Amino acid sequence: MDKTKLLKELRNKGYKVTPQRQEIIEVLSEREGHQSAEEVHKRICSHYPAMGLDTVYRNLALLRNLNIVSEINFGGKNRYELNRDGDGHSHHLICLGCGVSQKLDFCPLDYFDWNKVLKKDFKVKNHRFEIFGYCSNCIQIEENEGEGEE
């Protein structure tokens, strides 16, 4: 979903499209992947120095609650990205070495045995699926460092 549609969705849900919200959506749209609130704030401050970090946090929380932004917790720090698909439904491979997040192009729960959940008398409202490991770059760096230890 492009920025214009995201801003329209914000309006349709009864919220004002403030300059701060526009800036946050703009910054998040410029990069693929998740960014911390501090990274978003730093990029905004270069051309909008009056915006405080607390404003960024408040607006990211609102955008997350409206499913315009998704949030993952990585290493004790929340990171955010735009829900370009529009449904807030995405799953990721997250590198423990460098923090790079790669979006999966499918939902792992499509292969899940839902009968096991239904037997528990449980109604699923939402889910998150994150796999933590090491990307090929970090694996290569570790292998290269290991070669010099002999």
Protein backbone atom coordinates (compact mmCIF):
# COMPACT_ATOMS: atom_id res chain seq x y z
CA MET A 1 0.00 0.00 0.00
CA ASP A 2 1.45 3.38 -0.93
CA LYS A 3 1.74 6.43 1.33
CA THR A 4 -1.34 8.13 -0.10
CA LYS A 5 -3.52 5.11 0.65
CA LEU A 6 -2.06 4.81 4.16
CA LEU A 7 -2.84 8.46 4.87
CA LYS A 8 -6.35 8.01 3.47
CA GLU A 9 -6.80 4.98 5.72
CA LEU A 10 -5.74 7.09 8.71
CA ARG A 11 -8.38 9.70 7.78
CA ASN A 12 -11.04 7.01 7.21
CA LYS A 13 -10.44 5.72 10.74
CA GLY A 14 -11.24 9.18 12.11
CA TYR A 15 -7.72 10.50 12.75
CA LYS A 16 -6.14 13.71 11.55
CA VAL A 17 -3.27 13.52 9.11
CA THR A 18 -0.86 15.71 11.06
CA PRO A 19 2.52 16.83 9.73
CA GLN A 20 4.14 14.56 12.33
CA ARG A 21 2.23 11.49 11.14
CA GLN A 22 3.00 12.34 7.53
CA GLU A 23 6.71 12.61 8.34
CA ILE A 24 6.76 9.29 10.20
CA ILE A 25 4.98 7.51 7.34
CA GLU A 26 7.34 9.19 4.86
CA VAL A 27 10.45 8.06 6.75
CA LEU A 28 9.14 4.50 7.13
CA SER A 29 8.24 4.36 3.43
CA GLU A 30 11.75 5.31 2.32
CA ARG A 31 13.25 2.02 3.54
CA GLU A 32 12.28 -1.62 3.46
CA GLY A 33 12.47 -3.38 6.79
CA HIS A 34 12.03 -2.36 10.40
CA GLN A 35 13.42 0.78 12.02
CA SER A 36 13.58 1.78 15.67
CA ALA A 37 11.76 4.87 16.94
CA GLU A 38 15.17 6.45 17.51
CA GLU A 39 16.17 5.83 13.88
CA VAL A 40 12.90 7.33 12.66
CA HIS A 41 13.37 10.34 14.96
CA LYS A 42 16.96 10.91 13.84
CA ARG A 43 15.97 10.90 10.17
CA ILE A 44 13.03 13.25 10.78
CA CYS A 45 15.12 15.70 12.86
CA SER A 46 17.42 16.38 9.93
CA HIS A 47 14.58 18.36 8.27
CA TYR A 48 12.01 18.72 11.08
CA PRO A 49 14.07 19.49 14.22
CA ALA A 50 11.08 20.46 16.39
CA MET A 51 9.67 16.93 16.53
CA GLY A 52 10.47 15.18 19.81
CA LEU A 53 11.18 11.50 20.34
CA ASP A 54 8.08 11.16 22.54
CA THR A 55 5.95 12.39 19.60
CA VAL A 56 7.48 9.70 17.40
CA TYR A 57 6.74 7.01 20.01
CA ARG A 58 3.13 8.17 20.50
CA ASN A 59 2.43 8.26 16.79
CA LEU A 60 4.09 4.90 16.13
CA ALA A 61 1.89 3.38 18.85
CA LEU A 62 -1.22 4.88 17.25
CA LEU A 63 -0.20 3.73 13.77
CA ARG A 64 0.49 0.25 15.15
CA ASN A 65 -2.93 0.10 16.83
CA LEU A 66 -4.53 1.10 13.52
CA ASN A 67 -2.60 -1.64 11.65
CA ILE A 68 -0.83 0.94 9.50
CA VAL A 69 2.52 0.01 11.04
CA SER A 70 3.75 -3.36 12.28
CA GLU A 71 5.99 -3.73 15.32
CA ILE A 72 8.48 -6.42 16.22
CA ASN A 73 10.59 -6.69 19.34
CA PHE A 74 14.20 -7.44 18.60
CA GLY A 75 16.79 -7.58 21.34
CA GLY A 76 14.52 -5.73 23.77
CA LYS A 77 13.90 -2.90 21.30
CA ASN A 78 10.74 -2.37 19.27
CA ARG A 79 11.17 -1.83 15.56
CA TYR A 80 8.56 -0.63 13.08
CA GLU A 81 7.69 -0.89 9.40
CA LEU A 82 4.77 0.16 7.24
CA ASN A 83 2.14 -2.46 6.51
CA ARG A 84 2.45 -2.14 2.77
CA ASP A 85 0.11 -5.12 2.27
CA GLY A 86 -2.64 -3.32 4.12
CA ASP A 87 -3.60 -6.18 6.43
CA GLY A 88 -0.86 -5.89 9.07
CA HIS A 89 -0.09 -9.53 8.48
CA SER A 90 3.58 -10.32 7.91
CA HIS A 91 6.18 -12.72 9.21
CA HIS A 92 9.94 -12.33 9.39
CA LEU A 93 13.35 -13.95 9.55
CA ILE A 94 15.41 -11.82 11.94
CA CYS A 95 19.21 -11.94 12.09
CA LEU A 96 20.60 -12.06 15.62
CA GLY A 97 23.94 -10.76 14.34
CA CYS A 98 23.11 -7.60 12.42
CA GLY A 99 19.39 -7.17 13.05
CA VAL A 100 18.34 -7.39 9.41
CA SER A 101 14.72 -8.46 9.02
CA GLN A 102 13.54 -10.36 5.95
CA LYS A 103 9.82 -10.62 5.30
CA LEU A 104 8.48 -14.09 4.48
CA ASP A 105 6.29 -14.17 1.38
CA PHE A 106 3.88 -16.68 2.92
CA CYS A 107 2.14 -17.33 6.22
CA PRO A 108 3.58 -20.34 8.08
CA LEU A 109 0.19 -20.85 9.70
CA ASP A 110 -1.21 -21.87 6.32
CA TYR A 111 0.50 -25.19 7.07
CA PHE A 112 -0.66 -25.34 10.68
CA ASP A 113 -3.02 -27.99 12.08
CA TRP A 114 -5.86 -25.71 13.24
CA ASN A 115 -7.81 -28.66 14.67
CA LYS A 116 -5.39 -28.73 17.60
CA VAL A 117 -6.26 -25.12 18.44
CA LEU A 118 -9.98 -25.59 17.94
CA LYS A 119 -9.94 -28.49 20.42
CA LYS A 120 -8.68 -26.04 23.07
CA ASP A 121 -11.83 -23.91 22.71
CA PHE A 122 -9.72 -20.91 21.70
CA LYS A 123 -10.59 -18.15 19.24
CA VAL A 124 -7.54 -16.77 17.44
CA LYS A 125 -7.70 -13.01 16.81
CA ASN A 126 -4.18 -12.35 15.60
CA HIS A 127 -0.76 -13.94 15.43
CA ARG A 128 2.91 -13.14 14.90
CA PHE A 129 5.57 -15.41 13.57
CA GLU A 130 9.25 -14.50 13.83
CA ILE A 131 12.20 -16.79 13.25
CA PHE A 132 15.51 -15.75 14.81
CA GLY A 133 18.84 -16.93 13.40
CA TYR A 134 21.75 -15.64 11.32
CA CYS A 135 21.71 -14.20 7.80
CA SER A 136 24.15 -15.37 5.13
CA ASN A 137 26.35 -12.27 5.62
CA CYS A 138 26.76 -12.89 9.36
CA ILE A 139 27.39 -16.60 8.78
CA GLN A 140 30.11 -15.72 6.26
CA ILE A 141 31.73 -13.21 8.65
CA GLU A 142 31.75 -15.80 11.43
CA GLU A 143 33.28 -18.43 9.13
CA ASN A 144 35.98 -16.00 7.95
CA GLU A 145 36.85 -15.04 11.54
CA GLY A 146 37.03 -18.72 12.50
CA GLU A 147 39.58 -19.44 9.75
CA GLY A 148 42.13 -17.10 11.31
CA GLU A 149 42.05 -18.79 14.72
CA GLU A 150 44.25 -21.77 13.83
